[in-house]
Amino acid sequence: MFKIRTLMLALALALALTPLPLAGPARAADGFSRCPNGHLCLFSEFDGNGTIAWFQSGAPNLEPLGVKDARSAWNRTGRSFCLFASPNYEVHNATVPPGHKEGLNPEIAYNSVRAC
């Protein structure tokens, strides 16, 4: 009886001292997953990477927001957004339909955006 009790105590002690794997720190969202629902998001890099800016109606000048040369977009709204080559909504050059998550033409600088 003494041997069984000693063995059980030793087993319990061994289990108590065994290191358990710990969960790592929570990772911040990256890529497209950073885009909040109900917004159009523009990203400075492909695949939703880099600087992000999000919109519900648009912006007449994207340069101060860091996405003038946007390379990807995700439209999480129910309406289309038009991208323009010039500030103040001049020279329409792309449309991002509702629900689309896509790469943008790297040859074009996008300078303004608004719902269309």
N, C-alpha and C. Protein backbone atom coordinates (compact mmCIF):
# COMPACT_ATOMS: atom_id res chain seq x y z
N MET A 1 0.82 -1.18 0.00
CA MET A 1 0.00 0.00 0.00
C MET A 1 0.88 1.26 0.00
N PHE A 2 1.96 1.19 0.80
CA PHE A 2 2.87 2.32 0.88
C PHE A 2 3.52 2.60 -0.47
N LYS A 3 3.87 1.53 -1.23
CA LYS A 3 4.51 1.69 -2.53
C LYS A 3 3.55 2.33 -3.53
N ILE A 4 2.30 1.94 -3.50
CA ILE A 4 1.31 2.51 -4.43
C ILE A 4 1.11 3.99 -4.12
N ARG A 5 0.98 4.33 -2.84
CA ARG A 5 0.78 5.72 -2.45
C ARG A 5 2.01 6.56 -2.83
N THR A 6 3.21 6.04 -2.63
CA THR A 6 4.44 6.74 -3.00
C THR A 6 4.52 6.91 -4.50
N LEU A 7 4.15 5.88 -5.25
CA LEU A 7 4.16 5.94 -6.71
C LEU A 7 3.17 6.98 -7.21
N MET A 8 1.99 7.02 -6.62
CA MET A 8 0.97 7.99 -7.05
C MET A 8 1.41 9.42 -6.72
N LEU A 9 2.04 9.58 -5.55
CA LEU A 9 2.55 10.90 -5.18
C LEU A 9 3.66 11.34 -6.14
N ALA A 10 4.54 10.42 -6.48
CA ALA A 10 5.62 10.74 -7.42
C ALA A 10 5.05 11.10 -8.80
N LEU A 11 4.03 10.38 -9.25
CA LEU A 11 3.39 10.66 -10.54
C LEU A 11 2.71 12.03 -10.52
N ALA A 12 2.00 12.33 -9.44
CA ALA A 12 1.33 13.62 -9.32
C ALA A 12 2.36 14.76 -9.31
N LEU A 13 3.45 14.56 -8.61
CA LEU A 13 4.50 15.57 -8.56
C LEU A 13 5.14 15.76 -9.93
N ALA A 14 5.37 14.68 -10.67
CA ALA A 14 5.95 14.77 -12.00
C ALA A 14 5.02 15.53 -12.95
N LEU A 15 3.72 15.25 -12.87
CA LEU A 15 2.75 15.96 -13.73
C LEU A 15 2.69 17.44 -13.37
N ALA A 16 2.76 17.74 -12.07
CA ALA A 16 2.69 19.13 -11.64
C ALA A 16 3.90 19.93 -12.10
N LEU A 17 5.03 19.29 -12.24
CA LEU A 17 6.26 19.98 -12.62
C LEU A 17 6.50 19.98 -14.12
N THR A 18 5.67 19.27 -14.90
CA THR A 18 5.83 19.21 -16.35
C THR A 18 5.38 20.53 -16.96
N PRO A 19 6.23 21.20 -17.72
CA PRO A 19 5.81 22.47 -18.33
C PRO A 19 4.72 22.23 -19.37
N LEU A 20 3.74 23.07 -19.34
CA LEU A 20 2.64 22.99 -20.31
C LEU A 20 2.90 24.02 -21.40
N PRO A 21 2.50 23.68 -22.62
CA PRO A 21 2.66 24.67 -23.69
C PRO A 21 1.74 25.86 -23.41
N LEU A 22 2.28 27.04 -23.55
CA LEU A 22 1.50 28.26 -23.33
C LEU A 22 1.09 28.86 -24.66
N ALA A 23 -0.06 29.45 -24.67
CA ALA A 23 -0.51 30.14 -25.87
C ALA A 23 0.36 31.37 -26.07
N GLY A 24 0.70 31.64 -27.33
CA GLY A 24 1.49 32.83 -27.64
C GLY A 24 0.63 34.07 -27.55
N PRO A 25 1.23 35.22 -27.65
CA PRO A 25 0.47 36.46 -27.61
C PRO A 25 -0.46 36.54 -28.82
N ALA A 26 -1.58 37.19 -28.63
CA ALA A 26 -2.53 37.36 -29.73
C ALA A 26 -1.88 38.18 -30.83
N ARG A 27 -2.05 37.74 -32.05
CA ARG A 27 -1.49 38.48 -33.19
C ARG A 27 -2.47 39.53 -33.66
N ALA A 28 -1.94 40.65 -34.04
CA ALA A 28 -2.77 41.68 -34.63
C ALA A 28 -3.22 41.21 -36.01
N ALA A 29 -4.37 41.67 -36.42
CA ALA A 29 -4.87 41.31 -37.75
C ALA A 29 -3.89 41.82 -38.80
N ASP A 30 -3.76 41.06 -39.87
CA ASP A 30 -2.91 41.51 -40.96
C ASP A 30 -3.62 41.25 -42.28
N GLY A 31 -3.06 41.75 -43.34
CA GLY A 31 -3.66 41.55 -44.65
C GLY A 31 -5.07 42.12 -44.73
N PHE A 32 -5.87 41.50 -45.57
CA PHE A 32 -7.24 41.97 -45.78
C PHE A 32 -8.08 41.94 -44.51
N SER A 33 -7.75 41.08 -43.56
CA SER A 33 -8.58 40.92 -42.36
C SER A 33 -8.66 42.19 -41.52
N ARG A 34 -7.82 43.18 -41.79
CA ARG A 34 -7.87 44.45 -41.04
C ARG A 34 -9.02 45.34 -41.48
N CYS A 35 -9.65 45.03 -42.60
CA CYS A 35 -10.69 45.89 -43.16
C CYS A 35 -12.00 45.73 -42.38
N PRO A 36 -12.50 46.82 -41.78
CA PRO A 36 -13.75 46.71 -41.03
C PRO A 36 -14.95 46.54 -41.95
N ASN A 37 -15.92 45.76 -41.50
CA ASN A 37 -17.15 45.56 -42.25
C ASN A 37 -17.84 46.91 -42.49
N GLY A 38 -18.44 47.07 -43.65
CA GLY A 38 -19.15 48.30 -43.98
C GLY A 38 -18.27 49.39 -44.55
N HIS A 39 -17.03 49.07 -44.93
CA HIS A 39 -16.09 50.05 -45.46
C HIS A 39 -15.43 49.56 -46.74
N LEU A 40 -14.95 50.50 -47.53
CA LEU A 40 -14.02 50.20 -48.61
C LEU A 40 -12.64 50.41 -48.02
N CYS A 41 -11.76 49.42 -48.19
CA CYS A 41 -10.40 49.55 -47.69
C CYS A 41 -9.43 49.56 -48.86
N LEU A 42 -8.48 50.47 -48.81
CA LEU A 42 -7.39 50.53 -49.77
C LEU A 42 -6.10 50.24 -49.02
N PHE A 43 -5.22 49.46 -49.66
CA PHE A 43 -3.97 49.04 -49.05
C PHE A 43 -2.81 49.47 -49.95
N SER A 44 -1.71 49.88 -49.36
CA SER A 44 -0.57 50.35 -50.14
C SER A 44 0.21 49.20 -50.80
N GLU A 45 -0.03 47.96 -50.36
CA GLU A 45 0.66 46.80 -50.93
C GLU A 45 -0.36 45.77 -51.41
N PHE A 46 0.13 44.79 -52.14
CA PHE A 46 -0.74 43.72 -52.63
C PHE A 46 -1.22 42.84 -51.48
N ASP A 47 -2.31 42.13 -51.71
CA ASP A 47 -2.88 41.17 -50.75
C ASP A 47 -3.25 41.79 -49.41
N GLY A 48 -3.67 43.06 -49.43
CA GLY A 48 -4.11 43.71 -48.21
C GLY A 48 -3.01 44.05 -47.23
N ASN A 49 -1.80 44.14 -47.69
CA ASN A 49 -0.67 44.46 -46.81
C ASN A 49 -0.30 45.94 -46.90
N GLY A 50 0.59 46.37 -46.03
CA GLY A 50 1.04 47.76 -46.03
C GLY A 50 0.07 48.68 -45.31
N THR A 51 0.16 49.95 -45.63
CA THR A 51 -0.71 50.96 -45.03
C THR A 51 -2.15 50.70 -45.44
N ILE A 52 -3.08 50.91 -44.52
CA ILE A 52 -4.50 50.74 -44.80
C ILE A 52 -5.23 52.07 -44.56
N ALA A 53 -6.21 52.35 -45.40
CA ALA A 53 -7.13 53.46 -45.18
C ALA A 53 -8.52 52.93 -45.52
N TRP A 54 -9.52 53.26 -44.68
CA TRP A 54 -10.87 52.78 -44.97
C TRP A 54 -11.85 53.93 -45.05
N PHE A 55 -12.90 53.69 -45.84
CA PHE A 55 -13.84 54.76 -46.20
C PHE A 55 -15.27 54.25 -46.19
N GLN A 56 -16.19 55.15 -45.85
CA GLN A 56 -17.61 54.86 -46.02
C GLN A 56 -18.18 55.71 -47.14
N SER A 57 -17.54 56.84 -47.43
CA SER A 57 -18.02 57.66 -48.53
C SER A 57 -16.91 58.03 -49.51
N GLY A 58 -15.69 58.25 -49.04
CA GLY A 58 -14.58 58.55 -49.94
C GLY A 58 -13.65 59.60 -49.38
N ALA A 59 -12.72 60.04 -50.24
CA ALA A 59 -11.75 61.07 -49.87
C ALA A 59 -11.26 61.75 -51.15
N PRO A 60 -11.17 63.08 -51.15
CA PRO A 60 -10.74 63.79 -52.35
C PRO A 60 -9.24 63.73 -52.61
N ASN A 61 -8.45 63.28 -51.61
CA ASN A 61 -7.00 63.22 -51.79
C ASN A 61 -6.45 62.06 -50.95
N LEU A 62 -5.92 61.05 -51.60
CA LEU A 62 -5.42 59.86 -50.90
C LEU A 62 -3.97 59.98 -50.46
N GLU A 63 -3.24 60.92 -51.00
CA GLU A 63 -1.82 61.04 -50.68
C GLU A 63 -1.54 61.18 -49.19
N PRO A 64 -2.24 62.07 -48.45
CA PRO A 64 -1.95 62.19 -47.02
C PRO A 64 -2.28 60.93 -46.22
N LEU A 65 -3.08 60.04 -46.79
CA LEU A 65 -3.49 58.82 -46.09
C LEU A 65 -2.53 57.65 -46.34
N GLY A 66 -1.55 57.84 -47.23
CA GLY A 66 -0.55 56.81 -47.49
C GLY A 66 -0.98 55.73 -48.46
N VAL A 67 -2.08 55.93 -49.17
CA VAL A 67 -2.55 54.91 -50.11
C VAL A 67 -2.74 55.47 -51.52
N LYS A 68 -2.02 56.53 -51.84
CA LYS A 68 -2.11 57.13 -53.17
C LYS A 68 -1.80 56.09 -54.25
N ASP A 69 -0.82 55.26 -54.01
CA ASP A 69 -0.46 54.22 -54.97
C ASP A 69 -0.99 52.87 -54.50
N ALA A 70 -2.27 52.83 -54.15
CA ALA A 70 -2.90 51.60 -53.63
C ALA A 70 -2.66 50.43 -54.57
N ARG A 71 -2.40 49.28 -53.98
CA ARG A 71 -2.15 48.07 -54.76
C ARG A 71 -3.21 47.00 -54.55
N SER A 72 -4.07 47.18 -53.54
CA SER A 72 -5.17 46.23 -53.34
C SER A 72 -6.32 46.93 -52.64
N ALA A 73 -7.51 46.33 -52.79
CA ALA A 73 -8.72 46.92 -52.22
C ALA A 73 -9.68 45.81 -51.82
N TRP A 74 -10.50 46.10 -50.81
CA TRP A 74 -11.61 45.23 -50.43
C TRP A 74 -12.80 46.12 -50.15
N ASN A 75 -13.87 45.90 -50.91
CA ASN A 75 -15.09 46.67 -50.74
C ASN A 75 -16.06 45.85 -49.90
N ARG A 76 -16.18 46.20 -48.63
CA ARG A 76 -17.07 45.49 -47.71
C ARG A 76 -18.37 46.25 -47.50
N THR A 77 -18.81 46.96 -48.55
CA THR A 77 -20.06 47.70 -48.50
C THR A 77 -21.02 47.11 -49.52
N GLY A 78 -22.20 47.68 -49.58
CA GLY A 78 -23.20 47.25 -50.55
C GLY A 78 -23.25 48.13 -51.79
N ARG A 79 -22.25 48.97 -51.99
CA ARG A 79 -22.25 49.86 -53.16
C ARG A 79 -20.86 49.89 -53.79
N SER A 80 -20.80 50.30 -55.03
CA SER A 80 -19.52 50.39 -55.74
C SER A 80 -18.77 51.66 -55.33
N PHE A 81 -17.45 51.58 -55.43
CA PHE A 81 -16.60 52.75 -55.20
C PHE A 81 -15.78 52.99 -56.45
N CYS A 82 -15.66 54.26 -56.84
CA CYS A 82 -14.87 54.65 -58.00
C CYS A 82 -13.54 55.22 -57.54
N LEU A 83 -12.48 54.79 -58.22
CA LEU A 83 -11.13 55.30 -57.96
C LEU A 83 -10.76 56.25 -59.09
N PHE A 84 -10.10 57.34 -58.74
CA PHE A 84 -9.77 58.38 -59.71
C PHE A 84 -8.26 58.62 -59.73
N ALA A 85 -7.74 58.91 -60.93
CA ALA A 85 -6.31 59.14 -61.11
C ALA A 85 -5.88 60.50 -60.56
N SER A 86 -6.80 61.43 -60.46
CA SER A 86 -6.47 62.77 -59.99
C SER A 86 -7.22 63.09 -58.70
N PRO A 87 -6.68 64.00 -57.90
CA PRO A 87 -7.42 64.45 -56.71
C PRO A 87 -8.75 65.09 -57.12
N ASN A 88 -9.64 65.17 -56.17
CA ASN A 88 -10.95 65.81 -56.36
C ASN A 88 -11.80 65.10 -57.40
N TYR A 89 -11.67 63.77 -57.48
CA TYR A 89 -12.56 62.93 -58.28
C TYR A 89 -12.51 63.23 -59.78
N GLU A 90 -11.31 63.42 -60.31
CA GLU A 90 -11.14 63.64 -61.74
C GLU A 90 -10.43 62.44 -62.36
N VAL A 91 -10.80 62.09 -63.55
CA VAL A 91 -10.23 61.00 -64.35
C VAL A 91 -10.50 59.64 -63.69
N HIS A 92 -11.74 59.19 -63.82
CA HIS A 92 -12.14 57.88 -63.28
C HIS A 92 -11.36 56.79 -63.99
N ASN A 93 -10.73 55.89 -63.20
CA ASN A 93 -9.96 54.84 -63.85
C ASN A 93 -10.19 53.44 -63.28
N ALA A 94 -11.01 53.27 -62.27
CA ALA A 94 -11.31 51.93 -61.77
C ALA A 94 -12.56 51.98 -60.91
N THR A 95 -13.25 50.85 -60.86
CA THR A 95 -14.42 50.69 -60.00
C THR A 95 -14.24 49.41 -59.19
N VAL A 96 -14.51 49.50 -57.91
CA VAL A 96 -14.45 48.32 -57.04
C VAL A 96 -15.90 48.00 -56.64
N PRO A 97 -16.47 46.93 -57.21
CA PRO A 97 -17.86 46.57 -56.91
C PRO A 97 -18.03 46.07 -55.47
N PRO A 98 -19.27 46.04 -54.98
CA PRO A 98 -19.53 45.55 -53.62
C PRO A 98 -19.00 44.13 -53.45
N GLY A 99 -18.35 43.89 -52.32
CA GLY A 99 -17.86 42.56 -51.98
C GLY A 99 -16.55 42.16 -52.62
N HIS A 100 -16.02 42.94 -53.54
CA HIS A 100 -14.78 42.55 -54.23
C HIS A 100 -13.55 42.80 -53.37
N LYS A 101 -12.67 41.81 -53.42
CA LYS A 101 -11.36 41.87 -52.77
C LYS A 101 -10.38 41.60 -53.89
N GLU A 102 -9.57 42.60 -54.25
CA GLU A 102 -8.78 42.45 -55.46
C GLU A 102 -7.49 43.25 -55.44
N GLY A 103 -6.58 42.85 -56.32
CA GLY A 103 -5.38 43.61 -56.57
C GLY A 103 -5.71 44.73 -57.55
N LEU A 104 -5.03 45.85 -57.42
CA LEU A 104 -5.25 46.98 -58.32
C LEU A 104 -4.08 47.11 -59.27
N ASN A 105 -4.31 47.80 -60.37
CA ASN A 105 -3.28 47.98 -61.38
C ASN A 105 -2.10 48.77 -60.82
N PRO A 106 -0.92 48.17 -60.77
CA PRO A 106 0.24 48.87 -60.20
C PRO A 106 0.76 49.99 -61.08
N GLU A 107 0.27 50.09 -62.30
CA GLU A 107 0.70 51.15 -63.21
C GLU A 107 -0.04 52.46 -62.97
N ILE A 108 -1.07 52.43 -62.14
CA ILE A 108 -1.92 53.61 -61.94
C ILE A 108 -1.77 54.13 -60.51
N ALA A 109 -1.65 55.43 -60.36
CA ALA A 109 -1.69 56.07 -59.07
C ALA A 109 -3.13 56.51 -58.82
N TYR A 110 -3.68 56.08 -57.71
CA TYR A 110 -5.06 56.46 -57.36
C TYR A 110 -4.97 57.63 -56.39
N ASN A 111 -5.64 58.74 -56.76
CA ASN A 111 -5.52 59.96 -55.97
C ASN A 111 -6.78 60.37 -55.25
N SER A 112 -7.91 59.75 -55.57
CA SER A 112 -9.16 60.05 -54.85
C SER A 112 -10.11 58.87 -55.02
N VAL A 113 -11.07 58.78 -54.11
CA VAL A 113 -12.05 57.68 -54.13
C VAL A 113 -13.38 58.20 -53.57
N ARG A 114 -14.48 57.66 -54.13
CA ARG A 114 -15.81 57.96 -53.59
C ARG A 114 -16.79 56.91 -54.06
N ALA A 115 -17.88 56.82 -53.31
CA ALA A 115 -18.95 55.90 -53.70
C ALA A 115 -19.52 56.38 -55.02
N CYS A 116 -19.83 55.43 -55.90
CA CYS A 116 -20.39 55.82 -57.20
C CYS A 116 -21.58 54.96 -57.57
